């Protein structure tokens, strides 16, 4: 009887941990969906954008931007992605910055910090028919981000 209880506990535990996802697994699964559009702006193009744009003060700090969009998605897929976004855990260096639910809309922002710099900023936005994920990588100091937000915030 003891063996059965231990086996059952093991299977339940493995099932729980297999359901919990990390951010890399989520993005890999998302990009494999045939209806997802992915735009990747690499480091070279980011250096060109930094030269003459309103991103002054951030040159060389933003490395890449990836945007994943899924529009007019069936409700079953939206529900699946909603569960996956909720199941994302604070692990592998990622931490939840904010999660907001407004009716059917869900927005979650996660960051990956290393040595007091933001290495990744991931913004997920999901409503009843659309999904958008923005992934920004770089070496952004919190002071630079604060200054950038203040510059474009109106009182």
Protein backbone atom coordinates (compact mmCIF):
# COMPACT_ATOMS: atom_id res chain seq x y z
CA UNK A 1 0.00 0.00 0.00
CA UNK A 2 2.88 2.30 0.80
CA UNK A 3 4.27 1.77 -2.71
CA UNK A 4 1.01 2.84 -4.31
CA UNK A 5 0.80 6.00 -2.24
CA UNK A 6 4.38 6.94 -3.11
CA UNK A 7 3.79 6.27 -6.83
CA UNK A 8 0.60 8.30 -6.82
CA UNK A 9 2.33 11.20 -5.06
CA UNK A 10 5.18 11.04 -7.57
CA UNK A 11 2.83 11.14 -10.58
CA UNK A 12 0.82 14.03 -9.16
CA UNK A 13 4.01 15.98 -8.45
CA UNK A 14 5.43 15.32 -11.92
CA UNK A 15 2.14 16.36 -13.49
CA UNK A 16 2.16 19.62 -11.56
CA UNK A 17 5.74 20.47 -12.54
CA UNK A 18 5.16 19.58 -16.18
CA UNK A 19 2.20 21.99 -16.25
CA UNK A 20 4.28 24.87 -14.86
CA UNK A 21 6.12 26.55 -17.69
CA UNK A 22 9.02 28.84 -17.95
CA UNK A 23 9.18 31.80 -20.30
CA UNK A 24 11.48 30.15 -22.87
CA UNK A 25 9.15 27.15 -23.22
CA UNK A 26 6.16 29.46 -23.59
CA UNK A 27 7.83 31.51 -26.34
CA UNK A 28 8.99 28.36 -28.16
CA UNK A 29 5.49 26.89 -28.09
CA UNK A 30 4.01 30.19 -29.22
CA UNK A 31 6.40 30.60 -32.14
CA UNK A 32 5.61 27.08 -33.36
CA UNK A 33 1.94 27.97 -33.85
CA UNK A 34 1.41 28.37 -37.61
CA UNK A 35 -0.89 31.38 -37.17
CA UNK A 36 1.61 33.40 -35.15
CA UNK A 37 3.36 36.28 -36.87
CA UNK A 38 6.84 36.97 -35.53
CA UNK A 39 8.90 40.08 -36.15
CA UNK A 40 12.52 40.13 -35.00
CA UNK A 41 14.56 43.33 -34.98
CA UNK A 42 18.21 42.42 -34.46
CA UNK A 43 21.09 44.23 -32.89
CA UNK A 44 22.32 45.85 -36.11
CA UNK A 45 18.95 47.40 -36.91
CA UNK A 46 18.53 48.48 -33.30
CA UNK A 47 21.82 50.38 -33.57
CA UNK A 48 20.46 52.16 -36.67
CA UNK A 49 17.21 53.01 -34.89
CA UNK A 50 19.11 54.41 -31.91
CA UNK A 51 21.04 56.89 -34.08
CA UNK A 52 18.32 59.37 -34.93
CA UNK A 53 15.21 58.43 -33.05
CA UNK A 54 13.41 59.39 -29.90
CA UNK A 55 15.28 56.57 -28.13
CA UNK A 56 18.12 58.94 -27.36
CA UNK A 57 19.71 58.10 -24.05
CA UNK A 58 19.30 54.39 -24.76
CA UNK A 59 21.90 53.83 -27.53
CA UNK A 60 23.57 50.49 -27.30
CA UNK A 61 21.37 49.45 -24.40
CA UNK A 62 18.58 47.85 -26.43
CA UNK A 63 19.78 44.77 -28.28
CA UNK A 64 16.75 43.09 -29.86
CA UNK A 65 13.01 43.36 -30.05
CA UNK A 66 10.75 40.43 -30.90
CA UNK A 67 7.02 40.79 -31.42
CA UNK A 68 4.68 37.78 -31.58
CA UNK A 69 1.08 38.36 -32.65
CA UNK A 70 -1.82 35.98 -33.00
CA UNK A 71 -5.03 37.50 -34.30
CA UNK A 72 -8.52 36.05 -34.68
CA UNK A 73 -7.56 33.03 -32.66
CA UNK A 74 -10.15 30.39 -31.74
CA UNK A 75 -11.46 30.64 -28.19
CA UNK A 76 -9.93 27.28 -27.26
CA UNK A 77 -6.42 28.50 -28.13
CA UNK A 78 -6.97 31.80 -26.31
CA UNK A 79 -8.03 29.86 -23.20
CA UNK A 80 -4.93 27.66 -23.52
CA UNK A 81 -2.60 30.67 -23.80
CA UNK A 82 -4.40 32.39 -20.95
CA UNK A 83 -3.74 29.37 -18.72
CA UNK A 84 -0.11 29.24 -19.86
CA UNK A 85 0.45 32.94 -19.14
CA UNK A 86 -1.07 32.55 -15.68
CA UNK A 87 1.10 29.47 -15.08
CA UNK A 88 4.35 31.30 -15.86
CA UNK A 89 6.45 31.16 -12.73
CA UNK A 90 9.09 33.48 -11.34
CA UNK A 91 12.08 31.28 -12.12
CA UNK A 92 15.23 31.15 -14.23
CA UNK A 93 15.89 34.80 -13.41
CA UNK A 94 12.43 36.01 -14.49
CA UNK A 95 10.18 37.87 -12.09
CA UNK A 96 6.68 39.22 -12.51
CA UNK A 97 6.60 42.97 -12.49
CA UNK A 98 2.86 43.41 -12.89
CA UNK A 99 -0.24 41.49 -13.94
CA UNK A 100 -3.47 43.30 -14.73
CA UNK A 101 -6.85 41.85 -15.65
CA UNK A 102 -9.55 44.13 -17.00
CA UNK A 103 -12.60 42.18 -18.09
CA UNK A 104 -11.39 39.77 -20.77
CA UNK A 105 -8.02 41.53 -21.16
CA UNK A 106 -4.92 40.20 -19.43
CA UNK A 107 -1.57 42.02 -19.39
CA UNK A 108 1.50 40.56 -17.71
CA UNK A 109 4.96 42.13 -17.60
CA UNK A 110 7.98 40.06 -16.61
CA UNK A 111 11.62 41.09 -16.32
CA UNK A 112 14.90 39.25 -16.14
CA UNK A 113 17.51 41.09 -14.07
CA UNK A 114 21.23 40.50 -13.90
CA UNK A 115 23.66 42.70 -12.00
CA UNK A 116 21.12 45.52 -11.44
CA UNK A 117 20.31 45.70 -15.15
CA UNK A 118 17.23 44.56 -16.98
CA UNK A 119 18.36 41.91 -19.46
CA UNK A 120 14.87 41.06 -20.78
CA UNK A 121 11.51 42.76 -20.60
CA UNK A 122 8.56 40.66 -21.72
CA UNK A 123 5.09 42.11 -22.14
CA UNK A 124 2.14 39.80 -22.83
CA UNK A 125 -1.26 41.17 -23.79
CA UNK A 126 -4.22 38.87 -24.31
CA UNK A 127 -7.88 39.56 -24.95
CA UNK A 128 -10.76 37.37 -26.11
CA UNK A 129 -9.48 37.09 -29.74
CA UNK A 130 -5.90 38.38 -29.93
CA UNK A 131 -2.54 37.73 -28.32
CA UNK A 132 0.56 39.93 -28.45
CA UNK A 133 3.93 39.25 -26.83
CA UNK A 134 6.79 41.76 -26.96
CA UNK A 135 10.27 40.68 -25.89
CA UNK A 136 12.95 43.34 -25.48
CA UNK A 137 16.53 42.34 -24.68
CA UNK A 138 19.43 44.54 -23.71
CA UNK A 139 21.32 45.98 -20.77
CA UNK A 140 19.00 48.63 -19.40
CA UNK A 141 19.66 50.30 -16.07
CA UNK A 142 16.63 51.09 -13.96
CA UNK A 143 17.63 54.78 -13.97
CA UNK A 144 17.63 54.81 -17.79
CA UNK A 145 14.20 53.19 -17.88
CA UNK A 146 12.87 55.63 -15.29
CA UNK A 147 14.22 58.60 -17.26
CA UNK A 148 12.74 57.21 -20.50
CA UNK A 149 9.31 56.75 -18.88
CA UNK A 150 9.37 60.25 -17.39
CA UNK A 151 10.32 61.72 -20.77
CA UNK A 152 7.22 60.25 -22.45
CA UNK A 153 4.75 60.52 -19.57
CA UNK A 154 2.38 63.43 -19.63
CA UNK A 155 1.08 64.85 -16.38
